[in-house]
Protein backbone atom coordinates (compact mmCIF):
# COMPACT_ATOMS: atom_id res chain seq x y z
CA MET A 1 -33.88 -76.68 -15.80
CA ALA A 2 -33.45 -77.34 -12.08
CA ALA A 3 -36.50 -76.63 -9.89
CA ASP A 4 -34.74 -73.79 -8.02
CA THR A 5 -33.19 -72.05 -11.04
CA THR A 6 -34.57 -69.84 -13.77
CA ALA A 7 -33.66 -68.42 -17.17
CA ILE A 8 -30.82 -65.91 -16.90
CA ARG A 9 -32.03 -62.33 -16.48
CA ALA A 10 -31.39 -60.02 -19.42
CA GLY A 11 -28.04 -58.30 -19.07
CA GLU A 12 -26.72 -60.83 -16.52
CA GLU A 13 -25.60 -63.50 -18.97
CA LEU A 14 -22.21 -65.19 -18.60
CA ASN A 15 -19.83 -65.92 -21.46
CA ALA A 16 -20.25 -69.69 -21.21
CA ALA A 17 -17.69 -70.40 -23.93
CA ALA A 18 -14.96 -68.35 -22.21
CA LEU A 19 -15.90 -69.89 -18.86
CA LEU A 20 -15.69 -73.42 -20.24
CA ASP A 21 -12.35 -72.72 -21.87
CA TYR A 22 -10.97 -71.31 -18.60
CA LEU A 23 -12.29 -74.05 -16.30
CA ARG A 24 -11.29 -76.99 -18.47
CA GLY A 25 -8.47 -78.83 -16.72
CA LYS A 26 -8.84 -76.77 -13.54
CA VAL A 27 -12.08 -78.18 -12.13
CA GLU A 28 -13.16 -81.81 -12.02
CA GLY A 29 -15.82 -82.75 -14.56
CA VAL A 30 -15.42 -79.75 -16.86
CA ASP A 31 -14.59 -81.01 -20.34
CA SER A 32 -16.58 -80.20 -23.49
CA THR A 33 -19.97 -79.00 -22.28
CA LEU A 34 -21.16 -76.41 -19.80
CA GLU A 35 -24.78 -75.38 -19.23
CA VAL A 36 -25.48 -72.23 -17.18
CA GLN A 37 -28.66 -71.32 -15.28
CA GLN A 38 -29.34 -68.62 -12.72
CA PHE A 39 -30.61 -68.72 -9.16
CA PRO A 40 -33.34 -66.04 -8.93
CA GLY A 41 -32.97 -65.02 -5.27
CA GLY A 42 -30.75 -62.34 -3.82
CA HIS A 43 -30.46 -58.63 -4.50
CA SER A 44 -26.71 -58.11 -4.80
CA ASN A 45 -24.28 -60.84 -5.82
CA LEU A 46 -25.18 -63.02 -8.78
CA THR A 47 -25.36 -66.78 -8.38
CA TYR A 48 -25.45 -69.36 -11.18
CA LEU A 49 -25.74 -73.13 -11.50
CA LEU A 50 -23.18 -74.78 -13.77
CA HIS A 51 -23.97 -78.21 -15.25
CA THR A 52 -21.09 -80.30 -16.60
CA ARG A 53 -21.35 -83.88 -17.88
CA SER A 54 -20.80 -85.33 -14.42
CA ARG A 55 -20.98 -82.53 -11.83
CA GLU A 56 -22.87 -79.46 -10.75
CA TYR A 57 -21.23 -76.34 -9.33
CA VAL A 58 -22.49 -73.02 -8.03
CA LEU A 59 -20.75 -69.90 -9.35
CA ARG A 60 -20.78 -66.66 -7.32
CA ARG A 61 -19.79 -63.28 -8.72
CA ALA A 62 -20.30 -59.62 -7.84
CA PRO A 63 -23.17 -57.63 -9.41
CA LEU A 64 -22.69 -55.88 -12.71
CA GLY A 65 -21.33 -52.36 -12.82
CA PRO A 66 -19.29 -50.40 -10.26
CA VAL A 67 -19.71 -51.50 -6.64
CA ALA A 68 -18.98 -49.85 -3.31
CA PRO A 69 -15.39 -50.21 -2.02
CA LYS A 70 -14.87 -53.44 -0.06
CA ALA A 71 -18.38 -54.62 -0.99
CA HIS A 72 -19.07 -57.83 -2.92
CA ASP A 73 -15.58 -59.19 -2.30
CA MET A 74 -15.81 -62.64 -3.84
CA ALA A 75 -12.19 -63.53 -3.11
CA ARG A 76 -12.76 -62.86 0.57
CA GLU A 77 -16.00 -64.89 0.61
CA TYR A 78 -14.11 -67.78 -0.98
CA ARG A 79 -11.45 -67.62 1.74
CA VAL A 80 -14.08 -67.50 4.49
CA LEU A 81 -15.77 -70.61 3.13
CA HIS A 82 -12.46 -72.39 2.66
CA ALA A 83 -11.43 -71.68 6.27
CA LEU A 84 -14.80 -72.45 7.86
CA HIS A 85 -15.93 -75.55 5.95
CA PRO A 86 -13.93 -78.04 8.08
CA HIS A 87 -15.44 -76.61 11.29
CA PHE A 88 -19.06 -75.87 10.39
CA ALA A 89 -21.00 -78.52 8.50
CA GLU A 90 -23.51 -76.07 7.06
CA THR A 91 -20.79 -74.33 5.04
CA PRO A 92 -20.56 -75.42 1.37
CA ALA A 93 -17.15 -76.55 0.16
CA VAL A 94 -15.33 -74.33 -2.35
CA TYR A 95 -13.34 -75.55 -5.35
CA HIS A 96 -11.86 -72.73 -7.37
CA LEU A 97 -11.24 -68.97 -7.18
CA CYS A 98 -10.64 -66.88 -10.29
CA GLU A 99 -9.45 -63.30 -9.78
CA ASP A 100 -8.96 -62.61 -13.50
CA PRO A 101 -11.82 -60.27 -14.54
CA SER A 102 -11.22 -60.94 -18.23
CA ILE A 103 -13.00 -64.33 -18.04
CA ILE A 104 -16.56 -63.25 -17.12
CA GLY A 105 -16.05 -59.60 -16.16
CA SER A 106 -15.33 -59.99 -12.45
CA THR A 107 -13.75 -62.17 -9.78
CA PHE A 108 -15.74 -65.35 -9.20
CA PHE A 109 -15.53 -68.66 -7.37
CA LEU A 110 -17.07 -72.12 -7.61
CA MET A 111 -18.59 -73.86 -4.65
CA GLU A 112 -20.44 -77.03 -3.81
CA ARG A 113 -24.01 -77.44 -5.04
CA ARG A 114 -26.24 -78.28 -2.08
CA CYS A 115 -29.85 -79.31 -2.60
CA GLY A 116 -32.67 -78.23 -0.35
CA ILE A 117 -35.41 -75.65 0.05
CA VAL A 118 -34.99 -71.93 0.65
CA LEU A 119 -38.08 -70.28 2.15
CA ARG A 120 -38.94 -66.92 0.63
CA ASP A 121 -42.63 -65.94 0.38
CA ARG A 122 -44.30 -69.23 1.31
CA VAL A 123 -43.72 -72.71 2.73
CA PRO A 124 -44.09 -75.22 -0.12
CA GLU A 125 -45.24 -78.80 -0.02
CA PRO A 126 -44.24 -81.23 1.40
CA LEU A 127 -42.89 -79.02 4.22
CA SER A 128 -46.16 -77.20 4.87
CA SER A 129 -47.93 -80.45 5.76
CA ILE A 130 -45.36 -81.55 8.36
CA PRO A 131 -46.82 -81.27 11.88
CA GLY A 132 -45.06 -78.56 13.87
CA PHE A 133 -42.88 -77.50 10.93
CA PRO A 134 -42.72 -73.77 11.88
CA ALA A 135 -41.54 -74.51 15.43
CA LEU A 136 -39.07 -77.17 14.29
CA THR A 137 -37.58 -74.81 11.72
CA SER A 138 -37.47 -71.87 14.16
CA GLN A 139 -35.55 -74.01 16.64
CA ALA A 140 -33.16 -75.31 14.01
CA PHE A 141 -32.58 -71.76 12.75
CA VAL A 142 -31.58 -70.48 16.19
CA ASP A 143 -29.52 -73.55 17.06
CA CYS A 144 -27.56 -73.23 13.81
CA LEU A 145 -26.63 -69.65 14.73
CA VAL A 146 -25.59 -70.85 18.18
CA ARG A 147 -23.33 -73.50 16.61
CA LEU A 148 -21.75 -70.91 14.35
CA HIS A 149 -21.03 -68.64 17.30
CA SER A 150 -19.42 -71.54 19.18
CA VAL A 151 -16.80 -72.29 16.51
CA ASP A 152 -13.28 -71.98 17.97
CA VAL A 153 -11.71 -69.01 16.16
CA SER A 154 -8.50 -68.93 18.18
CA ARG A 155 -6.46 -70.79 15.53
CA GLU A 156 -5.50 -70.13 11.94
CA PRO A 157 -6.91 -69.73 9.38
CA LEU A 158 -10.07 -68.64 11.20
CA ARG A 159 -8.17 -66.21 13.41
CA SER A 160 -7.17 -64.18 10.36
CA LEU A 161 -10.73 -63.61 9.12
CA GLY A 162 -11.20 -60.39 11.07
CA LYS A 163 -10.01 -57.95 13.72
CA PRO A 164 -12.47 -58.22 16.62
CA GLU A 165 -10.95 -55.39 18.70
CA GLY A 166 -13.08 -52.28 18.21
CA TYR A 167 -15.46 -54.20 15.93
CA VAL A 168 -18.67 -52.32 16.74
CA GLU A 169 -17.02 -48.90 16.56
CA ARG A 170 -15.63 -49.77 13.10
CA GLN A 171 -19.06 -51.02 12.03
CA VAL A 172 -20.72 -47.74 12.94
CA ARG A 173 -17.99 -45.70 11.27
CA GLY A 174 -17.81 -47.86 8.14
CA TRP A 175 -21.55 -48.16 7.53
CA THR A 176 -21.97 -44.44 8.16
CA ASP A 177 -19.45 -43.77 5.41
CA ARG A 178 -21.30 -46.18 3.09
CA TRP A 179 -24.55 -44.38 3.84
CA HIS A 180 -23.13 -40.98 2.98
CA ARG A 181 -21.70 -42.28 -0.30
CA ALA A 182 -24.90 -44.10 -1.31
CA ARG A 183 -27.65 -41.69 -0.23
CA THR A 184 -29.87 -40.19 -2.92
CA GLU A 185 -31.77 -37.79 -0.62
CA ASP A 186 -31.17 -36.09 2.74
CA SER A 187 -32.41 -37.85 5.87
CA PRO A 188 -32.10 -35.92 9.15
CA GLU A 189 -33.77 -38.89 10.87
CA MET A 190 -30.96 -41.18 9.75
CA GLU A 191 -28.35 -38.68 10.94
CA ARG A 192 -29.90 -38.80 14.41
CA VAL A 193 -29.75 -42.61 14.39
CA ILE A 194 -26.08 -42.45 13.38
CA GLU A 195 -25.30 -40.00 16.17
CA TRP A 196 -27.03 -42.26 18.72
CA LEU A 197 -25.15 -45.35 17.53
CA GLY A 198 -21.81 -43.60 17.86
CA ARG A 199 -22.61 -42.37 21.35
CA ARG A 200 -24.05 -45.58 22.83
CA ILE A 201 -21.52 -48.26 21.80
CA PRO A 202 -21.71 -51.09 24.40
CA PRO A 203 -18.66 -52.58 26.12
CA SER A 204 -16.79 -55.15 24.07
CA ALA A 205 -18.21 -58.66 24.25
CA GLU A 206 -16.62 -61.97 23.37
CA THR A 207 -15.39 -62.77 19.88
CA ALA A 208 -17.12 -65.18 17.50
CA LEU A 209 -17.34 -65.97 13.80
CA ILE A 210 -20.36 -63.98 12.67
CA HIS A 211 -22.27 -64.32 9.41
CA ASN A 212 -23.52 -60.70 9.26
CA ASP A 213 -26.60 -61.53 7.15
CA TYR A 214 -28.17 -64.47 8.96
CA LYS A 215 -31.83 -64.69 7.96
CA LEU A 216 -34.34 -67.33 6.97
CA ASP A 217 -33.83 -67.03 3.22
CA ASN A 218 -30.07 -67.38 3.66
CA VAL A 219 -30.45 -70.90 5.02
CA MET A 220 -31.28 -73.99 2.99
CA LEU A 221 -33.56 -76.55 4.61
CA ALA A 222 -33.29 -80.29 4.05
CA ALA A 223 -36.41 -81.90 2.59
CA GLU A 224 -36.10 -84.42 5.42
CA PRO A 225 -35.83 -84.74 8.30
CA ALA A 226 -37.90 -81.68 9.14
CA GLY A 227 -35.99 -78.97 10.91
CA ARG A 228 -32.51 -79.75 9.58
CA ILE A 229 -30.40 -76.97 8.08
CA GLU A 230 -28.70 -78.24 4.94
CA ALA A 231 -26.59 -75.14 4.30
CA VAL A 232 -26.06 -71.51 5.26
CA LEU A 233 -25.56 -69.26 2.24
CA ASP A 234 -24.15 -65.80 1.39
CA TRP A 235 -20.99 -65.49 3.50
CA GLU A 236 -19.79 -62.30 1.83
CA MET A 237 -19.85 -60.21 5.03
CA ALA A 238 -18.73 -62.88 7.52
CA THR A 239 -15.99 -61.86 9.92
CA LEU A 240 -14.82 -62.03 13.52
CA GLY A 241 -16.74 -59.79 15.88
CA ASP A 242 -19.45 -59.46 18.49
CA PRO A 243 -21.96 -62.33 18.19
CA LEU A 244 -24.79 -60.11 19.42
CA SER A 245 -24.45 -58.04 16.27
CA ASP A 246 -25.48 -61.18 14.36
CA LEU A 247 -28.47 -61.76 16.61
CA GLY A 248 -29.48 -58.10 16.40
CA LEU A 249 -29.49 -58.17 12.59
CA THR A 250 -31.40 -61.47 12.55
CA LEU A 251 -34.14 -59.83 14.63
CA CYS A 252 -34.52 -57.18 11.92
CA TYR A 253 -35.74 -59.86 9.53
CA TRP A 254 -37.88 -61.86 11.99
CA CYS A 255 -41.46 -60.54 12.22
CA TRP A 256 -43.53 -59.97 15.28
CA ALA A 257 -46.22 -62.64 14.87
CA ALA A 258 -48.95 -60.32 16.23
CA ALA A 259 -48.04 -57.22 14.21
CA PRO A 260 -50.77 -56.57 11.60
CA GLN A 261 -48.39 -54.54 9.43
CA ALA A 262 -45.76 -57.29 9.37
CA GLU A 263 -45.11 -59.38 6.30
CA GLY A 264 -43.28 -62.63 5.80
CA ILE A 265 -43.41 -66.26 6.72
CA THR A 266 -42.39 -65.82 10.34
CA ARG A 267 -45.48 -63.81 11.27
CA GLN A 268 -47.65 -66.87 10.53
CA SER A 269 -48.96 -69.25 13.17
CA GLY A 270 -46.53 -71.61 14.85
CA TRP A 271 -43.30 -69.72 14.19
CA TYR A 272 -41.19 -68.49 17.07
CA THR A 273 -41.88 -64.96 18.17
CA ARG A 274 -38.87 -62.68 18.44
CA ASP A 275 -39.00 -63.18 22.21
CA ASP A 276 -38.89 -66.96 21.66
CA LEU A 277 -35.91 -66.52 19.38
CA VAL A 278 -34.00 -64.41 21.91
CA HIS A 279 -34.92 -66.71 24.81
CA ARG A 280 -33.62 -69.83 23.08
CA TYR A 281 -30.41 -68.09 22.03
CA ALA A 282 -29.82 -66.89 25.60
CA GLN A 283 -30.65 -70.31 27.00
CA ARG A 284 -28.28 -72.12 24.64
CA THR A 285 -25.37 -69.67 24.95
CA GLY A 286 -25.65 -68.16 28.42
CA ARG A 287 -24.72 -64.77 26.95
CA ASP A 288 -25.65 -61.49 28.60
CA LEU A 289 -28.20 -59.84 26.29
CA ARG A 290 -28.74 -56.60 28.22
CA HIS A 291 -27.41 -54.52 25.29
CA LEU A 292 -29.32 -56.41 22.58
CA GLY A 293 -31.51 -53.35 21.89
CA TYR A 294 -28.43 -51.46 20.68
CA TYR A 295 -27.52 -54.28 18.29
CA GLU A 296 -31.03 -54.35 16.89
CA VAL A 297 -30.79 -50.63 16.04
CA LEU A 298 -27.37 -51.30 14.50
CA GLY A 299 -28.88 -54.13 12.47
CA VAL A 300 -31.75 -52.03 11.12
CA PHE A 301 -29.25 -49.26 10.28
CA LYS A 302 -26.99 -51.65 8.36
CA LEU A 303 -29.94 -53.16 6.51
CA ALA A 304 -31.09 -49.68 5.48
CA VAL A 305 -27.62 -48.90 4.13
CA ILE A 306 -27.42 -52.18 2.21
CA ILE A 307 -30.77 -51.54 0.52
CA GLN A 308 -29.80 -47.92 -0.17
CA GLN A 309 -26.62 -49.10 -1.89
CA ILE A 310 -28.69 -51.39 -4.10
CA TYR A 311 -31.20 -48.64 -4.81
CA ARG A 312 -28.48 -46.17 -5.75
CA ARG A 313 -27.19 -48.58 -8.40
CA PHE A 314 -30.67 -48.58 -9.94
CA HIS A 315 -31.11 -44.82 -9.44
CA ILE A 316 -27.98 -43.95 -11.42
CA GLY A 317 -28.53 -46.62 -14.08
CA GLN A 318 -25.90 -49.19 -13.11
CA THR A 319 -28.58 -51.90 -13.10
CA ARG A 320 -31.91 -52.19 -14.89
CA ASP A 321 -33.35 -54.76 -12.51
CA GLU A 322 -36.94 -53.58 -11.89
CA ARG A 323 -37.00 -55.31 -8.51
CA PHE A 324 -35.01 -52.36 -7.18
CA ARG A 325 -37.19 -49.50 -8.47
CA HIS A 326 -38.98 -48.86 -5.17
CA PHE A 327 -36.18 -49.78 -2.77
CA ASP A 328 -36.03 -46.14 -1.68
CA GLN A 329 -39.39 -46.67 0.03
CA ARG A 330 -37.99 -49.67 1.90
CA VAL A 331 -35.05 -47.54 3.03
CA ARG A 332 -37.35 -44.84 4.43
CA ARG A 333 -39.37 -47.43 6.36
CA LEU A 334 -36.21 -48.90 7.86
CA VAL A 335 -34.87 -45.49 8.84
CA SER A 336 -38.18 -44.76 10.59
CA LEU A 337 -38.01 -48.13 12.37
CA ALA A 338 -34.46 -47.42 13.57
CA ALA A 339 -35.57 -44.03 14.86
CA GLU A 340 -38.53 -45.63 16.70
CA LEU A 341 -36.22 -48.18 18.33
CA VAL A 342 -33.86 -45.40 19.41
CA ALA A 343 -36.75 -43.43 20.91
CA ALA A 344 -37.93 -46.50 22.83
CA HIS A 345 -34.47 -47.25 24.20
CA PRO A 346 -33.86 -46.36 27.86
CA PRO A 347 -32.00 -43.06 28.34
CA GLU A 348 -28.35 -43.09 29.32
CA ASN A 349 -27.40 -43.44 32.99
CA THR A 350 -30.66 -45.14 34.00
């Protein structure tokens, strides 16, 4: 078993025989054997490692059971990766898309297997012993986002990956609809956040290719040299839109180093603070960040909706994954954080 994979979770098995029969002759290296393992990370889409006699592939598919409309669109993620790979080195190559659900129960695609380290709850050896590793990785993390936002999206096929006009307004409207369909309890506090977001939409900014879930555990680090990003993962929500919405969401995941209630790797010594992160992004891009506070509220709001969608699947029995049992508590904390950020935001016309 590979070091970064695990035994397949109960209920999430693939029909390896049907998969082998389908892929034979379509994908290089698939002949008479196929071994399947599972990557343990992630809370929505399912990701597997396929071993053939001569190659390794990564398989991505949507979660089991019914999913929200337009969510977990594996065909779209495949097309994003296919369009972006020639222009952004951190994008894995893709090899095959299958939209026939009769093979493994859903649309899936195969992509390149990249090897590296994904940081989740700790920094493992040998990375933890590298002098200045937190600062090197913080810098690389920001600079990778800057490179993504500098990709020229004026030509096909990248130009067709989204409709940037009215992007933020559509985000507020679309995620509000997702919230109302996924909620399992009333939340007047969330309704006030939604009202504020709709009323305070900033002027349109420039257009960029945005990842829409850019966080530390969605990047893969090279074992060496220190501070090199090997790959950026999970492109399901990538589109064309306002680059500050990417930065705002990233800030939702990046801890304040001095906050005693914060958890996660980035609150430890040596990592960039959120101010450091913002400063480097502004320095490298020259973008006007005066409305960044709005995008941070939008990011917390979207994150709350995403986790609520996952929790609802557990709540109504569409998944038995015990990791999701207490996600309702995470949603409440995020809603409270969004409300606090709204309250701290300067009033209109000041």
